[in-house]
PDB file of N, CA and C in Angstrom:
ATOM      1  N   MET A   1       0.861  -1.197   0.039  1.00  0.00           N
ATOM      2  CA  MET A   1      -0.009  -0.032   0.019  1.00  0.00           C
ATOM      3  C   MET A   1       0.909   1.215  -0.006  1.00  0.00           C
ATOM      4  N   ARG A   2       1.005   1.841  -1.118  1.00  0.00           N
ATOM      5  CA  ARG A   2       1.789   3.039  -1.272  1.00  0.00           C
ATOM      6  C   ARG A   2       0.862   4.319  -1.291  1.00  0.00           C
ATOM      7  N   ARG A   3       1.197   5.241  -0.476  1.00  0.00           N
ATOM      8  CA  ARG A   3       0.411   6.533  -0.425  1.00  0.00           C
ATOM      9  C   ARG A   3       1.237   7.594  -1.050  1.00  0.00           C
ATOM     10  N   LYS A   4       0.628   8.471  -1.827  1.00  0.00           N
ATOM     11  CA  LYS A   4       1.314   9.644  -2.281  1.00  0.00           C
ATOM     12  C   LYS A   4       1.350  10.700  -1.171  1.00  0.00           C
ATOM     13  N   LYS A   5       2.522  11.204  -0.865  1.00  0.00           N
ATOM     14  CA  LYS A   5       2.633  12.163   0.192  1.00  0.00           C
ATOM     15  C   LYS A   5       2.291  13.493  -0.318  1.00  0.00           C
ATOM     16  N   SER A   6       1.367  14.118   0.364  1.00  0.00           N
ATOM     17  CA  SER A   6       0.984  15.491   0.016  1.00  0.00           C
ATOM     18  C   SER A   6       1.860  16.452   0.788  1.00  0.00           C
ATOM     19  N   PHE A   7       1.792  17.711   0.404  1.00  0.00           N
ATOM     20  CA  PHE A   7       2.600  18.699   1.155  1.00  0.00           C
ATOM     21  C   PHE A   7       2.102  18.851   2.570  1.00  0.00           C
ATOM     22  N   GLY A   8       0.789  18.750   2.824  1.00  0.00           N
ATOM     23  CA  GLY A   8       0.316  18.849   4.170  1.00  0.00           C
ATOM     24  C   GLY A   8       0.859  17.708   5.081  1.00  0.00           C
ATOM     25  N   GLN A   9       0.914  16.468   4.534  1.00  0.00           N
ATOM     26  CA  GLN A   9       1.433  15.387   5.339  1.00  0.00           C
ATOM     27  C   GLN A   9       2.915  15.612   5.692  1.00  0.00           C
ATOM     28  N   ILE A  10       3.645  16.152   4.777  1.00  0.00           N
ATOM     29  CA  ILE A  10       5.068  16.402   5.046  1.00  0.00           C
ATOM     30  C   ILE A  10       5.212  17.490   6.128  1.00  0.00           C
ATOM     31  N   VAL A  11       4.421  18.516   6.060  1.00  0.00           N
ATOM     32  CA  VAL A  11       4.473  19.598   7.037  1.00  0.00           C
ATOM     33  C   VAL A  11       4.081  19.055   8.437  1.00  0.00           C
ATOM     34  N   ILE A  12       3.004  18.270   8.491  1.00  0.00           N
ATOM     35  CA  ILE A  12       2.605  17.756   9.811  1.00  0.00           C
ATOM     36  C   ILE A  12       3.635  16.797  10.364  1.00  0.00           C
ATOM     37  N   THR A  13       4.282  15.987   9.512  1.00  0.00           N
ATOM     38  CA  THR A  13       5.376  15.103  10.035  1.00  0.00           C
ATOM     39  C   THR A  13       6.512  15.913  10.547  1.00  0.00           C
ATOM     40  N   ALA A  14       6.872  17.015   9.858  1.00  0.00           N
ATOM     41  CA  ALA A  14       7.977  17.828  10.324  1.00  0.00           C
ATOM     42  C   ALA A  14       7.584  18.457  11.682  1.00  0.00           C
ATOM     43  N   MET A  15       6.320  18.893  11.830  1.00  0.00           N
ATOM     44  CA  MET A  15       5.901  19.490  13.089  1.00  0.00           C
ATOM     45  C   MET A  15       5.887  18.511  14.195  1.00  0.00           C
ATOM     46  N   PHE A  16       5.591  17.273  13.921  1.00  0.00           N
ATOM     47  CA  PHE A  16       5.701  16.215  14.975  1.00  0.00           C
ATOM     48  C   PHE A  16       7.169  16.120  15.530  1.00  0.00           C
ATOM     49  N   PHE A  17       8.130  16.121  14.564  1.00  0.00           N
ATOM     50  CA  PHE A  17       9.510  16.070  14.964  1.00  0.00           C
ATOM     51  C   PHE A  17       9.972  17.342  15.689  1.00  0.00           C
ATOM     52  N   TRP A  18       9.481  18.470  15.216  1.00  0.00           N
ATOM     53  CA  TRP A  18       9.809  19.757  15.882  1.00  0.00           C
ATOM     54  C   TRP A  18       9.286  19.757  17.299  1.00  0.00           C
ATOM     55  N   SER A  19       8.032  19.258  17.450  1.00  0.00           N
ATOM     56  CA  SER A  19       7.402  19.211  18.812  1.00  0.00           C
ATOM     57  C   SER A  19       8.186  18.285  19.720  1.00  0.00           C
ATOM     58  N   ALA A  20       8.647  17.148  19.187  1.00  0.00           N
ATOM     59  CA  ALA A  20       9.468  16.226  19.996  1.00  0.00           C
ATOM     60  C   ALA A  20      10.741  16.904  20.449  1.00  0.00           C
ATOM     61  N   LEU A  21      11.404  17.676  19.555  1.00  0.00           N
ATOM     62  CA  LEU A  21      12.637  18.366  19.934  1.00  0.00           C
ATOM     63  C   LEU A  21      12.368  19.398  20.992  1.00  0.00           C
ATOM     64  N   LEU A  22      11.305  20.188  20.864  1.00  0.00           N
ATOM     65  CA  LEU A  22      10.960  21.163  21.880  1.00  0.00           C
ATOM     66  C   LEU A  22      10.693  20.487  23.240  1.00  0.00           C
ATOM     67  N   CYS A  23       9.945  19.361  23.177  1.00  0.00           N
ATOM     68  CA  CYS A  23       9.690  18.649  24.440  1.00  0.00           C
ATOM     69  C   CYS A  23      10.922  18.158  25.095  1.00  0.00           C
ATOM     70  N   HIS A  24      11.889  17.731  24.266  1.00  0.00           N
ATOM     71  CA  HIS A  24      13.142  17.275  24.864  1.00  0.00           C
ATOM     72  C   HIS A  24      13.930  18.415  25.520  1.00  0.00           C
ATOM     73  N   PHE A  25      13.991  19.547  24.901  1.00  0.00           N
ATOM     74  CA  PHE A  25      14.715  20.688  25.468  1.00  0.00           C
ATOM     75  C   PHE A  25      13.989  21.184  26.734  1.00  0.00           C
ATOM     76  N   GLU A  26      12.703  21.181  26.753  1.00  0.00           N
ATOM     77  CA  GLU A  26      11.947  21.562  27.934  1.00  0.00           C
ATOM     78  C   GLU A  26      12.171  20.594  29.075  1.00  0.00           C
ATOM     79  N   ALA A  27      12.185  19.258  28.748  1.00  0.00           N
ATOM     80  CA  ALA A  27      12.435  18.270  29.772  1.00  0.00           C
ATOM     81  C   ALA A  27      13.853  18.408  30.329  1.00  0.00           C
ATOM     82  N   SER A  28      14.768  18.654  29.483  1.00  0.00           N
ATOM     83  CA  SER A  28      16.173  18.853  30.000  1.00  0.00           C
ATOM     84  C   SER A  28      16.250  20.025  30.938  1.00  0.00           C
ATOM     85  N   SER A  29      15.577  21.092  30.581  1.00  0.00           N
ATOM     86  CA  SER A  29      15.574  22.319  31.404  1.00  0.00           C
ATOM     87  C   SER A  29      14.894  21.979  32.751  1.00  0.00           C
ATOM     88  N   LEU A  30      13.800  21.262  32.721  1.00  0.00           N
ATOM     89  CA  LEU A  30      13.120  20.954  33.942  1.00  0.00           C
ATOM     90  C   LEU A  30      13.958  20.016  34.862  1.00  0.00           C
ATOM     91  N   LYS A  31      14.656  19.114  34.207  1.00  0.00           N
ATOM     92  CA  LYS A  31      15.509  18.152  35.000  1.00  0.00           C
ATOM     93  C   LYS A  31      16.636  18.977  35.677  1.00  0.00           C
ATOM     94  N   GLU A  32      17.230  19.910  34.975  1.00  0.00           N
ATOM     95  CA  GLU A  32      18.266  20.749  35.606  1.00  0.00           C
ATOM     96  C   GLU A  32      17.757  21.538  36.770  1.00  0.00           C
ATOM     97  N   GLN A  33      16.446  21.943  36.741  1.00  0.00           N
ATOM     98  CA  GLN A  33      15.803  22.730  37.813  1.00  0.00           C
ATOM     99  C   GLN A  33      15.392  21.801  38.944  1.00  0.00           C
ATOM    100  N   GLY A  34      15.486  20.480  38.746  1.00  0.00           N
ATOM    101  CA  GLY A  34      15.140  19.507  39.779  1.00  0.00           C
ATOM    102  C   GLY A  34      13.788  18.972  39.731  1.00  0.00           C
ATOM    103  N   ASP A  35      12.983  19.344  38.706  1.00  0.00           N
ATOM    104  CA  ASP A  35      11.577  18.899  38.535  1.00  0.00           C
ATOM    105  C   ASP A  35      11.569  17.633  37.694  1.00  0.00           C
ATOM    106  N   LEU A  36      11.975  16.508  38.263  1.00  0.00           N
ATOM    107  CA  LEU A  36      12.139  15.230  37.461  1.00  0.00           C
ATOM    108  C   LEU A  36      10.728  14.697  37.015  1.00  0.00           C
ATOM    109  N   THR A  37       9.718  14.869  37.793  1.00  0.00           N
ATOM    110  CA  THR A  37       8.403  14.302  37.412  1.00  0.00           C
ATOM    111  C   THR A  37       7.925  14.975  36.127  1.00  0.00           C
ATOM    112  N   ASN A  38       7.951  16.269  36.047  1.00  0.00           N
ATOM    113  CA  ASN A  38       7.529  16.950  34.811  1.00  0.00           C
ATOM    114  C   ASN A  38       8.458  16.685  33.696  1.00  0.00           C
ATOM    115  N   ALA A  39       9.749  16.567  33.952  1.00  0.00           N
ATOM    116  CA  ALA A  39      10.681  16.230  32.914  1.00  0.00           C
ATOM    117  C   ALA A  39      10.394  14.899  32.247  1.00  0.00           C
ATOM    118  N   ILE A  40      10.079  13.900  33.108  1.00  0.00           N
ATOM    119  CA  ILE A  40       9.721  12.562  32.574  1.00  0.00           C
ATOM    120  C   ILE A  40       8.414  12.719  31.708  1.00  0.00           C
ATOM    121  N   LEU A  41       7.476  13.473  32.148  1.00  0.00           N
ATOM    122  CA  LEU A  41       6.253  13.636  31.368  1.00  0.00           C
ATOM    123  C   LEU A  41       6.576  14.326  29.962  1.00  0.00           C
ATOM    124  N   TYR A  42       7.446  15.302  30.046  1.00  0.00           N
ATOM    125  CA  TYR A  42       7.764  15.950  28.739  1.00  0.00           C
ATOM    126  C   TYR A  42       8.501  14.980  27.833  1.00  0.00           C
ATOM    127  N   TRP A  43       9.388  14.128  28.362  1.00  0.00           N
ATOM    128  CA  TRP A  43      10.038  13.142  27.544  1.00  0.00           C
ATOM    129  C   TRP A  43       9.097  12.097  26.998  1.00  0.00           C
ATOM    130  N   PHE A  44       8.085  11.727  27.795  1.00  0.00           N
ATOM    131  CA  PHE A  44       7.013  10.858  27.239  1.00  0.00           C
ATOM    132  C   PHE A  44       6.280  11.535  26.147  1.00  0.00           C
ATOM    133  N   PHE A  45       5.903  12.816  26.297  1.00  0.00           N
ATOM    134  CA  PHE A  45       5.230  13.562  25.232  1.00  0.00           C
ATOM    135  C   PHE A  45       6.137  13.596  23.951  1.00  0.00           C
ATOM    136  N   GLY A  46       7.403  13.839  24.145  1.00  0.00           N
ATOM    137  CA  GLY A  46       8.298  13.862  23.022  1.00  0.00           C
ATOM    138  C   GLY A  46       8.356  12.545  22.310  1.00  0.00           C
ATOM    139  N   PHE A  47       8.399  11.450  23.112  1.00  0.00           N
ATOM    140  CA  PHE A  47       8.394  10.099  22.492  1.00  0.00           C
ATOM    141  C   PHE A  47       7.150   9.887  21.658  1.00  0.00           C
ATOM    142  N   THR A  48       5.976  10.276  22.222  1.00  0.00           N
ATOM    143  CA  THR A  48       4.736  10.036  21.459  1.00  0.00           C
ATOM    144  C   THR A  48       4.690  10.957  20.217  1.00  0.00           C
ATOM    145  N   ALA A  49       5.344  12.117  20.257  1.00  0.00           N
ATOM    146  CA  ALA A  49       5.453  12.937  19.089  1.00  0.00           C
ATOM    147  C   ALA A  49       6.331  12.282  17.996  1.00  0.00           C
ATOM    148  N   ILE A  50       7.370  11.608  18.421  1.00  0.00           N
ATOM    149  CA  ILE A  50       8.218  10.939  17.442  1.00  0.00           C
ATOM    150  C   ILE A  50       7.455   9.818  16.803  1.00  0.00           C
ATOM    151  N   LEU A  51       6.647   9.080  17.662  1.00  0.00           N
ATOM    152  CA  LEU A  51       5.827   8.007  17.064  1.00  0.00           C
ATOM    153  C   LEU A  51       4.848   8.600  16.066  1.00  0.00           C
ATOM    154  N   GLY A  52       4.323   9.768  16.350  1.00  0.00           N
ATOM    155  CA  GLY A  52       3.447  10.487  15.420  1.00  0.00           C
ATOM    156  C   GLY A  52       4.095  10.773  14.108  1.00  0.00           C
ATOM    157  N   GLY A  53       5.363  11.154  14.180  1.00  0.00           N
ATOM    158  CA  GLY A  53       6.158  11.456  13.045  1.00  0.00           C
ATOM    159  C   GLY A  53       6.460  10.205  12.149  1.00  0.00           C
ATOM    160  N   PHE A  54       6.468   9.064  12.800  1.00  0.00           N
ATOM    161  CA  PHE A  54       6.683   7.816  12.062  1.00  0.00           C
ATOM    162  C   PHE A  54       5.381   7.044  11.840  1.00  0.00           C
ATOM    163  N   ARG A  55       4.266   7.738  11.882  1.00  0.00           N
ATOM    164  CA  ARG A  55       2.968   7.046  11.820  1.00  0.00           C
ATOM    165  C   ARG A  55       2.772   6.253  10.563  1.00  0.00           C
ATOM    166  N   PHE A  56       3.297   6.736   9.409  1.00  0.00           N
ATOM    167  CA  PHE A  56       3.109   5.980   8.156  1.00  0.00           C
ATOM    168  C   PHE A  56       3.997   4.761   8.109  1.00  0.00           C
ATOM    169  N   LYS A  57       5.176   4.863   8.658  1.00  0.00           N
ATOM    170  CA  LYS A  57       6.103   3.710   8.702  1.00  0.00           C
ATOM    171  C   LYS A  57       5.526   2.652   9.666  1.00  0.00           C
ATOM    172  N   ILE A  58       5.053   3.075  10.764  1.00  0.00           N
ATOM    173  CA  ILE A  58       4.402   2.138  11.749  1.00  0.00           C
ATOM    174  C   ILE A  58       3.230   1.467  11.116  1.00  0.00           C
ATOM    175  N   ALA A  59       2.415   2.163  10.394  1.00  0.00           N
ATOM    176  CA  ALA A  59       1.229   1.605   9.696  1.00  0.00           C
ATOM    177  C   ALA A  59       1.712   0.588   8.663  1.00  0.00           C
ATOM    178  N   GLU A  60       2.736   0.853   7.873  1.00  0.00           N
ATOM    179  CA  GLU A  60       3.298  -0.101   6.926  1.00  0.00           C
ATOM    180  C   GLU A  60       3.756  -1.356   7.607  1.00  0.00           C
ATOM    181  N   MET A  61       4.433  -1.257   8.744  1.00  0.00           N
ATOM    182  CA  MET A  61       4.903  -2.390   9.491  1.00  0.00           C
ATOM    183  C   MET A  61       3.687  -3.263   9.994  1.00  0.00           C
ATOM    184  N   ILE A  62       2.638  -2.593  10.457  1.00  0.00           N
ATOM    185  CA  ILE A  62       1.498  -3.324  10.940  1.00  0.00           C
ATOM    186  C   ILE A  62       0.774  -4.004   9.789  1.00  0.00           C
ATOM    187  N   TYR A  63       0.626  -3.321   8.640  1.00  0.00           N
ATOM    188  CA  TYR A  63      -0.002  -3.972   7.453  1.00  0.00           C
ATOM    189  C   TYR A  63       0.835  -5.138   6.958  1.00  0.00           C
ATOM    190  N   GLY A  64       2.146  -4.973   6.992  1.00  0.00           N
ATOM    191  CA  GLY A  64       3.043  -6.061   6.642  1.00  0.00           C
ATOM    192  C   GLY A  64       2.926  -7.270   7.566  1.00  0.00           C
ATOM    193  N   LEU A  65       2.782  -7.045   8.853  1.00  0.00           N
ATOM    194  CA  LEU A  65       2.591  -8.100   9.822  1.00  0.00           C
ATOM    195  C   LEU A  65       1.224  -8.857   9.613  1.00  0.00           C
ATOM    196  N   ILE A  66       0.194  -8.080   9.339  1.00  0.00           N
ATOM    197  CA  ILE A  66      -1.088  -8.650   9.130  1.00  0.00           C
ATOM    198  C   ILE A  66      -1.089  -9.462   7.823  1.00  0.00           C
ATOM    199  N   GLU A  67      -0.386  -8.953   6.790  1.00  0.00           N
ATOM    200  CA  GLU A  67      -0.306  -9.680   5.507  1.00  0.00           C
ATOM    201  C   GLU A  67       0.514 -10.980   5.705  1.00  0.00           C
ATOM    202  N   PHE A  68       1.562 -10.898   6.436  1.00  0.00           N
ATOM    203  CA  PHE A  68       2.437 -12.051   6.748  1.00  0.00           C
ATOM    204  C   PHE A  68       1.642 -13.098   7.527  1.00  0.00           C
ATOM    205  N   LYS A  69       0.828 -12.665   8.495  1.00  0.00           N
ATOM    206  CA  LYS A  69       0.042 -13.598   9.252  1.00  0.00           C
ATOM    207  C   LYS A  69      -1.045 -14.271   8.408  1.00  0.00           C
ATOM    208  N   ASN A  70      -1.648 -13.503   7.554  1.00  0.00           N
ATOM    209  CA  ASN A  70      -2.682 -14.076   6.655  1.00  0.00           C
ATOM    210  C   ASN A  70      -2.113 -15.061   5.685  1.00  0.00           C
ATOM    211  N   LYS A  71      -0.936 -14.797   5.145  1.00  0.00           N
ATOM    212  CA  LYS A  71      -0.269 -15.720   4.234  1.00  0.00           C
ATOM    213  C   LYS A  71       0.057 -17.034   4.888  1.00  0.00           C
ATOM    214  N   ASN A  72       0.601 -16.962   6.132  1.00  0.00           N
ATOM    215  CA  ASN A  72       0.955 -18.174   6.794  1.00  0.00           C
ATOM    216  C   ASN A  72      -0.210 -18.957   7.387  1.00  0.00           C
ATOM    217  N   LYS A  73      -1.389 -18.275   7.451  1.00  0.00           N
ATOM    218  CA  LYS A  73      -2.600 -18.956   7.992  1.00  0.00           C
ATOM    219  C   LYS A  73      -3.181 -19.948   6.991  1.00  0.00           C
ATOM    220  N   LYS A  74      -3.020 -19.620   5.703  1.00  0.00           N
ATOM    221  CA  LYS A  74      -3.585 -20.459   4.688  1.00  0.00           C
ATOM    222  C   LYS A  74      -2.830 -21.723   4.406  1.00  0.00           C
TER     223      LYS A  74
END
């Protein structure tokens, strides 16, 4: 399943990665200030933003696993 990437998809993907970068810098700043709980939350948010950036690759992997499972089932 190949999807044609539109300009909007590319921009949104870039914004996911930018958001993850900002979350990392904020988490690092909070850790230096001694607020480890909020820092861990920001790192979690950054991780989920990275997952959002790779949403199409993750979907391809899941479709591939489903296809592999269906082929081996028969």
